[in-house]
PDB file of all heavy atoms in Angstrom:
ATOM      1  N   THR A   1      13.557  -4.453  12.198  1.00  0.00           N
ATOM      2  CA  THR A   1      12.178  -4.800  11.856  1.00  0.00           C
ATOM      3  C   THR A   1      11.313  -3.559  12.017  1.00  0.00           C
ATOM      4  O   THR A   1      11.292  -2.938  13.084  1.00  0.00           O
ATOM      5  CB  THR A   1      11.652  -5.915  12.766  1.00  0.00           C
ATOM      6  OG1 THR A   1      12.509  -7.057  12.648  1.00  0.00           O
ATOM      7  CG2 THR A   1      10.239  -6.307  12.372  1.00  0.00           C
ATOM      8  N   LEU A   2      10.593  -3.189  10.963  1.00  0.00           N
ATOM      9  CA  LEU A   2       9.765  -1.996  11.027  1.00  0.00           C
ATOM     10  C   LEU A   2       8.466  -2.291  11.765  1.00  0.00           C
ATOM     11  O   LEU A   2       7.843  -3.329  11.555  1.00  0.00           O
ATOM     12  CB  LEU A   2       9.441  -1.499   9.621  1.00  0.00           C
ATOM     13  CG  LEU A   2      10.613  -1.100   8.723  1.00  0.00           C
ATOM     14  CD1 LEU A   2      10.092  -0.583   7.384  1.00  0.00           C
ATOM     15  CD2 LEU A   2      11.485  -0.059   9.385  1.00  0.00           C
ATOM     16  N   PRO A   3       8.013  -1.387  12.628  1.00  0.00           N
ATOM     17  CA  PRO A   3       6.683  -1.544  13.230  1.00  0.00           C
ATOM     18  C   PRO A   3       5.606  -1.566  12.154  1.00  0.00           C
ATOM     19  O   PRO A   3       5.770  -1.010  11.067  1.00  0.00           O
ATOM     20  CB  PRO A   3       6.553  -0.296  14.118  1.00  0.00           C
ATOM     21  CG  PRO A   3       7.969   0.131  14.395  1.00  0.00           C
ATOM     22  CD  PRO A   3       8.729  -0.212  13.142  1.00  0.00           C
ATOM     23  N   ARG A   4       4.492  -2.187  12.451  1.00  0.00           N
ATOM     24  CA  ARG A   4       3.371  -2.250  11.515  1.00  0.00           C
ATOM     25  C   ARG A   4       2.642  -0.907  11.540  1.00  0.00           C
ATOM     26  O   ARG A   4       2.275  -0.403  12.608  1.00  0.00           O
ATOM     27  CB  ARG A   4       2.429  -3.385  11.897  1.00  0.00           C
ATOM     28  CG  ARG A   4       3.103  -4.760  11.838  1.00  0.00           C
ATOM     29  CD  ARG A   4       2.157  -5.845  12.326  1.00  0.00           C
ATOM     30  NE  ARG A   4       1.013  -5.988  11.441  1.00  0.00           N
ATOM     31  CZ  ARG A   4       0.990  -6.789  10.373  1.00  0.00           C
ATOM     32  NH1 ARG A   4       2.058  -7.492  10.040  1.00  0.00           N
ATOM     33  NH2 ARG A   4      -0.090  -6.886   9.626  1.00  0.00           N
ATOM     34  N   THR A   5       2.444  -0.338  10.376  1.00  0.00           N
ATOM     35  CA  THR A   5       1.819   0.988  10.294  1.00  0.00           C
ATOM     36  C   THR A   5       0.687   1.004   9.271  1.00  0.00           C
ATOM     37  O   THR A   5       0.461   2.011   8.605  1.00  0.00           O
ATOM     38  CB  THR A   5       2.857   2.060   9.923  1.00  0.00           C
ATOM     39  OG1 THR A   5       3.448   1.719   8.653  1.00  0.00           O
ATOM     40  CG2 THR A   5       3.937   2.186  10.978  1.00  0.00           C
ATOM     41  N   GLU A   6      -0.035  -0.085   9.151  1.00  0.00           N
ATOM     42  CA  GLU A   6      -1.149  -0.131   8.193  1.00  0.00           C
ATOM     43  C   GLU A   6      -2.205   0.922   8.559  1.00  0.00           C
ATOM     44  O   GLU A   6      -2.343   1.333   9.718  1.00  0.00           O
ATOM     45  CB  GLU A   6      -1.805  -1.513   8.176  1.00  0.00           C
ATOM     46  CG  GLU A   6      -0.964  -2.609   7.557  1.00  0.00           C
ATOM     47  CD  GLU A   6      -0.078  -3.285   8.578  1.00  0.00           C
ATOM     48  OE1 GLU A   6       0.004  -2.768   9.718  1.00  0.00           O
ATOM     49  OE2 GLU A   6       0.523  -4.316   8.253  1.00  0.00           O
ATOM     50  N   LEU A   7      -2.949   1.356   7.544  1.00  0.00           N
ATOM     51  CA  LEU A   7      -4.052   2.265   7.803  1.00  0.00           C
ATOM     52  C   LEU A   7      -5.097   1.572   8.673  1.00  0.00           C
ATOM     53  O   LEU A   7      -5.319   0.362   8.539  1.00  0.00           O
ATOM     54  CB  LEU A   7      -4.698   2.707   6.493  1.00  0.00           C
ATOM     55  CG  LEU A   7      -3.829   3.528   5.527  1.00  0.00           C
ATOM     56  CD1 LEU A   7      -4.611   3.809   4.251  1.00  0.00           C
ATOM     57  CD2 LEU A   7      -3.369   4.831   6.163  1.00  0.00           C
ATOM     58  N   PRO A   8      -5.771   2.301   9.557  1.00  0.00           N
ATOM     59  CA  PRO A   8      -6.862   1.705  10.327  1.00  0.00           C
ATOM     60  C   PRO A   8      -7.916   1.118   9.384  1.00  0.00           C
ATOM     61  O   PRO A   8      -8.141   1.649   8.292  1.00  0.00           O
ATOM     62  CB  PRO A   8      -7.422   2.892  11.120  1.00  0.00           C
ATOM     63  CG  PRO A   8      -6.298   3.878  11.183  1.00  0.00           C
ATOM     64  CD  PRO A   8      -5.547   3.718   9.903  1.00  0.00           C
ATOM     65  N   PRO A   9      -8.591   0.035   9.795  1.00  0.00           N
ATOM     66  CA  PRO A   9      -9.556  -0.641   8.907  1.00  0.00           C
ATOM     67  C   PRO A   9     -10.899   0.075   8.830  1.00  0.00           C
ATOM     68  O   PRO A   9     -11.961  -0.555   8.859  1.00  0.00           O
ATOM     69  CB  PRO A   9      -9.694  -2.019   9.555  1.00  0.00           C
ATOM     70  CG  PRO A   9      -9.463  -1.761  11.009  1.00  0.00           C
ATOM     71  CD  PRO A   9      -8.417  -0.673  11.074  1.00  0.00           C
ATOM     72  N   VAL A  10     -10.861   1.391   8.730  1.00  0.00           N
ATOM     73  CA  VAL A  10     -12.075   2.200   8.603  1.00  0.00           C
ATOM     74  C   VAL A  10     -11.810   3.314   7.603  1.00  0.00           C
ATOM     75  O   VAL A  10     -10.652   3.695   7.368  1.00  0.00           O
ATOM     76  CB  VAL A  10     -12.501   2.819   9.956  1.00  0.00           C
ATOM     77  CG1 VAL A  10     -12.916   1.741  10.942  1.00  0.00           C
ATOM     78  CG2 VAL A  10     -11.387   3.679  10.538  1.00  0.00           C
ATOM     79  N   HIS A  11     -12.860   3.832   6.997  1.00  0.00           N
ATOM     80  CA  HIS A  11     -12.731   4.994   6.130  1.00  0.00           C
ATOM     81  C   HIS A  11     -12.739   6.245   6.999  1.00  0.00           C
ATOM     82  O   HIS A  11     -13.558   6.370   7.923  1.00  0.00           O
ATOM     83  CB  HIS A  11     -13.874   5.030   5.115  1.00  0.00           C
ATOM     84  CG  HIS A  11     -13.773   3.961   4.064  1.00  0.00           C
ATOM     85  ND1 HIS A  11     -13.943   2.620   4.346  1.00  0.00           N
ATOM     86  CD2 HIS A  11     -13.514   4.040   2.734  1.00  0.00           C
ATOM     87  CE1 HIS A  11     -13.788   1.920   3.235  1.00  0.00           C
ATOM     88  NE2 HIS A  11     -13.534   2.744   2.242  1.00  0.00           N
ATOM     89  N   ARG A  12     -11.824   7.168   6.687  1.00  0.00           N
ATOM     90  CA  ARG A  12     -11.697   8.365   7.518  1.00  0.00           C
ATOM     91  C   ARG A  12     -11.714   9.628   6.659  1.00  0.00           C
ATOM     92  O   ARG A  12     -11.237   9.633   5.520  1.00  0.00           O
ATOM     93  CB  ARG A  12     -10.385   8.340   8.314  1.00  0.00           C
ATOM     94  CG  ARG A  12     -10.309   7.285   9.388  1.00  0.00           C
ATOM     95  CD  ARG A  12      -8.966   7.301  10.070  1.00  0.00           C
ATOM     96  NE  ARG A  12      -7.894   6.966   9.140  1.00  0.00           N
ATOM     97  CZ  ARG A  12      -6.621   7.327   9.289  1.00  0.00           C
ATOM     98  NH1 ARG A  12      -6.265   8.065  10.324  1.00  0.00           N
ATOM     99  NH2 ARG A  12      -5.715   6.965   8.401  1.00  0.00           N
ATOM    100  N   ARG A  13     -12.256  10.661   7.247  1.00  0.00           N
ATOM    101  CA  ARG A  13     -12.243  11.999   6.657  1.00  0.00           C
ATOM    102  C   ARG A  13     -11.492  12.898   7.624  1.00  0.00           C
ATOM    103  O   ARG A  13     -11.903  13.054   8.781  1.00  0.00           O
ATOM    104  CB  ARG A  13     -13.672  12.484   6.435  1.00  0.00           C
ATOM    105  CG  ARG A  13     -13.799  13.834   5.738  1.00  0.00           C
ATOM    106  CD  ARG A  13     -15.269  14.120   5.468  1.00  0.00           C
ATOM    107  NE  ARG A  13     -15.465  15.378   4.762  1.00  0.00           N
ATOM    108  CZ  ARG A  13     -15.649  16.547   5.377  1.00  0.00           C
ATOM    109  NH1 ARG A  13     -15.677  16.602   6.710  1.00  0.00           N
ATOM    110  NH2 ARG A  13     -15.810  17.651   4.676  1.00  0.00           N
ATOM    111  N   ILE A  14     -10.396  13.469   7.158  1.00  0.00           N
ATOM    112  CA  ILE A  14      -9.521  14.277   8.001  1.00  0.00           C
ATOM    113  C   ILE A  14      -9.583  15.718   7.510  1.00  0.00           C
ATOM    114  O   ILE A  14      -9.219  16.010   6.361  1.00  0.00           O
ATOM    115  CB  ILE A  14      -8.067  13.763   7.955  1.00  0.00           C
ATOM    116  CG1 ILE A  14      -8.014  12.279   8.364  1.00  0.00           C
ATOM    117  CG2 ILE A  14      -7.173  14.599   8.858  1.00  0.00           C
ATOM    118  CD1 ILE A  14      -6.653  11.632   8.132  1.00  0.00           C
ATOM    119  N   VAL A  15     -10.036  16.619   8.357  1.00  0.00           N
ATOM    120  CA  VAL A  15     -10.164  18.034   8.011  1.00  0.00           C
ATOM    121  C   VAL A  15      -9.006  18.791   8.653  1.00  0.00           C
ATOM    122  O   VAL A  15      -8.712  18.603   9.839  1.00  0.00           O
ATOM    123  CB  VAL A  15     -11.512  18.596   8.491  1.00  0.00           C
ATOM    124  CG1 VAL A  15     -11.646  20.071   8.124  1.00  0.00           C
ATOM    125  CG2 VAL A  15     -12.664  17.787   7.890  1.00  0.00           C
ATOM    126  N   PHE A  16      -8.356  19.662   7.859  1.00  0.00           N
ATOM    127  CA  PHE A  16      -7.159  20.338   8.365  1.00  0.00           C
ATOM    128  C   PHE A  16      -7.053  21.745   7.801  1.00  0.00           C
ATOM    129  O   PHE A  16      -7.639  22.087   6.771  1.00  0.00           O
ATOM    130  CB  PHE A  16      -5.898  19.546   8.002  1.00  0.00           C
ATOM    131  CG  PHE A  16      -5.739  19.253   6.531  1.00  0.00           C
ATOM    132  CD1 PHE A  16      -5.127  20.159   5.675  1.00  0.00           C
ATOM    133  CD2 PHE A  16      -6.209  18.061   5.993  1.00  0.00           C
ATOM    134  CE1 PHE A  16      -4.981  19.896   4.323  1.00  0.00           C
ATOM    135  CE2 PHE A  16      -6.070  17.779   4.639  1.00  0.00           C
ATOM    136  CZ  PHE A  16      -5.453  18.699   3.803  1.00  0.00           C
ATOM    137  N   ASP A  17      -6.292  22.579   8.492  1.00  0.00           N
ATOM    138  CA  ASP A  17      -5.804  23.844   7.949  1.00  0.00           C
ATOM    139  C   ASP A  17      -4.409  23.608   7.396  1.00  0.00           C
ATOM    140  O   ASP A  17      -3.662  22.758   7.909  1.00  0.00           O
ATOM    141  CB  ASP A  17      -5.739  24.925   9.037  1.00  0.00           C
ATOM    142  CG  ASP A  17      -7.109  25.384   9.499  1.00  0.00           C
ATOM    143  OD1 ASP A  17      -8.063  25.317   8.707  1.00  0.00           O
ATOM    144  OD2 ASP A  17      -7.221  25.811  10.663  1.00  0.00           O
ATOM    145  N   TRP A  18      -4.027  24.348   6.362  1.00  0.00           N
ATOM    146  CA  TRP A  18      -2.677  24.222   5.818  1.00  0.00           C
ATOM    147  C   TRP A  18      -2.061  25.596   5.629  1.00  0.00           C
ATOM    148  O   TRP A  18      -2.745  26.596   5.436  1.00  0.00           O
ATOM    149  CB  TRP A  18      -2.664  23.438   4.500  1.00  0.00           C
ATOM    150  CG  TRP A  18      -3.434  24.071   3.370  1.00  0.00           C
ATOM    151  CD1 TRP A  18      -4.736  23.848   3.040  1.00  0.00           C
ATOM    152  CD2 TRP A  18      -2.946  25.046   2.423  1.00  0.00           C
ATOM    153  NE1 TRP A  18      -5.097  24.607   1.953  1.00  0.00           N
ATOM    154  CE2 TRP A  18      -4.015  25.352   1.554  1.00  0.00           C
ATOM    155  CE3 TRP A  18      -1.714  25.662   2.242  1.00  0.00           C
ATOM    156  CZ2 TRP A  18      -3.889  26.260   0.507  1.00  0.00           C
ATOM    157  CZ3 TRP A  18      -1.585  26.576   1.197  1.00  0.00           C
ATOM    158  CH2 TRP A  18      -2.657  26.864   0.337  1.00  0.00           C
ATOM    159  N   GLU A  19      -0.736  25.614   5.700  1.00  0.00           N
ATOM    160  CA  GLU A  19       0.020  26.850   5.461  1.00  0.00           C
ATOM    161  C   GLU A  19       1.309  26.500   4.745  1.00  0.00           C
ATOM    162  O   GLU A  19       2.047  25.606   5.172  1.00  0.00           O
ATOM    163  CB  GLU A  19       0.317  27.560   6.777  1.00  0.00           C
ATOM    164  CG  GLU A  19       0.993  28.910   6.595  1.00  0.00           C
ATOM    165  CD  GLU A  19       1.010  29.745   7.860  1.00  0.00           C
ATOM    166  OE1 GLU A  19       0.460  29.299   8.887  1.00  0.00           O
ATOM    167  OE2 GLU A  19       1.586  30.856   7.817  1.00  0.00           O
ATOM    168  N   LEU A  20       1.567  27.181   3.644  1.00  0.00           N
ATOM    169  CA  LEU A  20       2.727  26.922   2.789  1.00  0.00           C
ATOM    170  C   LEU A  20       3.638  28.132   2.775  1.00  0.00           C
ATOM    171  O   LEU A  20       3.176  29.272   2.694  1.00  0.00           O
ATOM    172  CB  LEU A  20       2.267  26.619   1.356  1.00  0.00           C
ATOM    173  CG  LEU A  20       3.357  26.546   0.276  1.00  0.00           C
ATOM    174  CD1 LEU A  20       4.180  25.273   0.438  1.00  0.00           C
ATOM    175  CD2 LEU A  20       2.744  26.614  -1.117  1.00  0.00           C
ATOM    176  N   ASP A  21       4.943  27.873   2.820  1.00  0.00           N
ATOM    177  CA  ASP A  21       5.929  28.940   2.686  1.00  0.00           C
ATOM    178  C   ASP A  21       7.114  28.384   1.911  1.00  0.00           C
ATOM    179  O   ASP A  21       7.724  27.391   2.326  1.00  0.00           O
ATOM    180  CB  ASP A  21       6.381  29.437   4.067  1.00  0.00           C
ATOM    181  CG  ASP A  21       7.291  30.655   3.972  1.00  0.00           C
ATOM    182  OD1 ASP A  21       7.216  31.378   2.970  1.00  0.00           O
ATOM    183  OD2 ASP A  21       8.089  30.876   4.903  1.00  0.00           O
ATOM    184  N   ASP A  22       7.414  28.964   0.754  1.00  0.00           N
ATOM    185  CA  ASP A  22       8.614  28.570   0.033  1.00  0.00           C
ATOM    186  C   ASP A  22       9.254  29.806  -0.582  1.00  0.00           C
ATOM    187  O   ASP A  22       8.860  30.934  -0.303  1.00  0.00           O
ATOM    188  CB  ASP A  22       8.332  27.458  -0.992  1.00  0.00           C
ATOM    189  CG  ASP A  22       7.627  27.939  -2.248  1.00  0.00           C
ATOM    190  OD1 ASP A  22       7.391  29.152  -2.397  1.00  0.00           O
ATOM    191  OD2 ASP A  22       7.307  27.082  -3.098  1.00  0.00           O
ATOM    192  N   ARG A  23      10.271  29.599  -1.451  1.00  0.00           N
ATOM    193  CA  ARG A  23      11.077  30.725  -1.914  1.00  0.00           C
ATOM    194  C   ARG A  23      10.334  31.605  -2.920  1.00  0.00           C
ATOM    195  O   ARG A  23      10.785  32.699  -3.229  1.00  0.00           O
ATOM    196  CB  ARG A  23      12.375  30.224  -2.545  1.00  0.00           C
ATOM    197  CG  ARG A  23      12.181  29.368  -3.794  1.00  0.00           C
ATOM    198  CD  ARG A  23      13.510  29.023  -4.433  1.00  0.00           C
ATOM    199  NE  ARG A  23      13.324  28.320  -5.685  1.00  0.00           N
ATOM    200  CZ  ARG A  23      13.493  27.010  -5.848  1.00  0.00           C
ATOM    201  NH1 ARG A  23      13.830  26.267  -4.816  1.00  0.00           N
ATOM    202  NH2 ARG A  23      13.318  26.451  -7.019  1.00  0.00           N
ATOM    203  N   GLU A  24       9.192  31.131  -3.455  1.00  0.00           N
ATOM    204  CA  GLU A  24       8.474  31.889  -4.470  1.00  0.00           C
ATOM    205  C   GLU A  24       7.117  32.401  -4.014  1.00  0.00           C
ATOM    206  O   GLU A  24       6.653  33.433  -4.501  1.00  0.00           O
ATOM    207  CB  GLU A  24       8.295  31.038  -5.734  1.00  0.00           C
ATOM    208  CG  GLU A  24       9.607  30.720  -6.431  1.00  0.00           C
ATOM    209  CD  GLU A  24       9.392  29.931  -7.701  1.00  0.00           C
ATOM    210  OE1 GLU A  24       8.249  29.490  -7.939  1.00  0.00           O
ATOM    211  OE2 GLU A  24      10.361  29.751  -8.450  1.00  0.00           O
TER     212      GLU A  24
END
């Protein structure tokens, strides 16, 4: 049985830094 993982019942804005590394 999978745990319940619904989105929280609020609107959210998530700010993040990102970094990508691939073969090209």
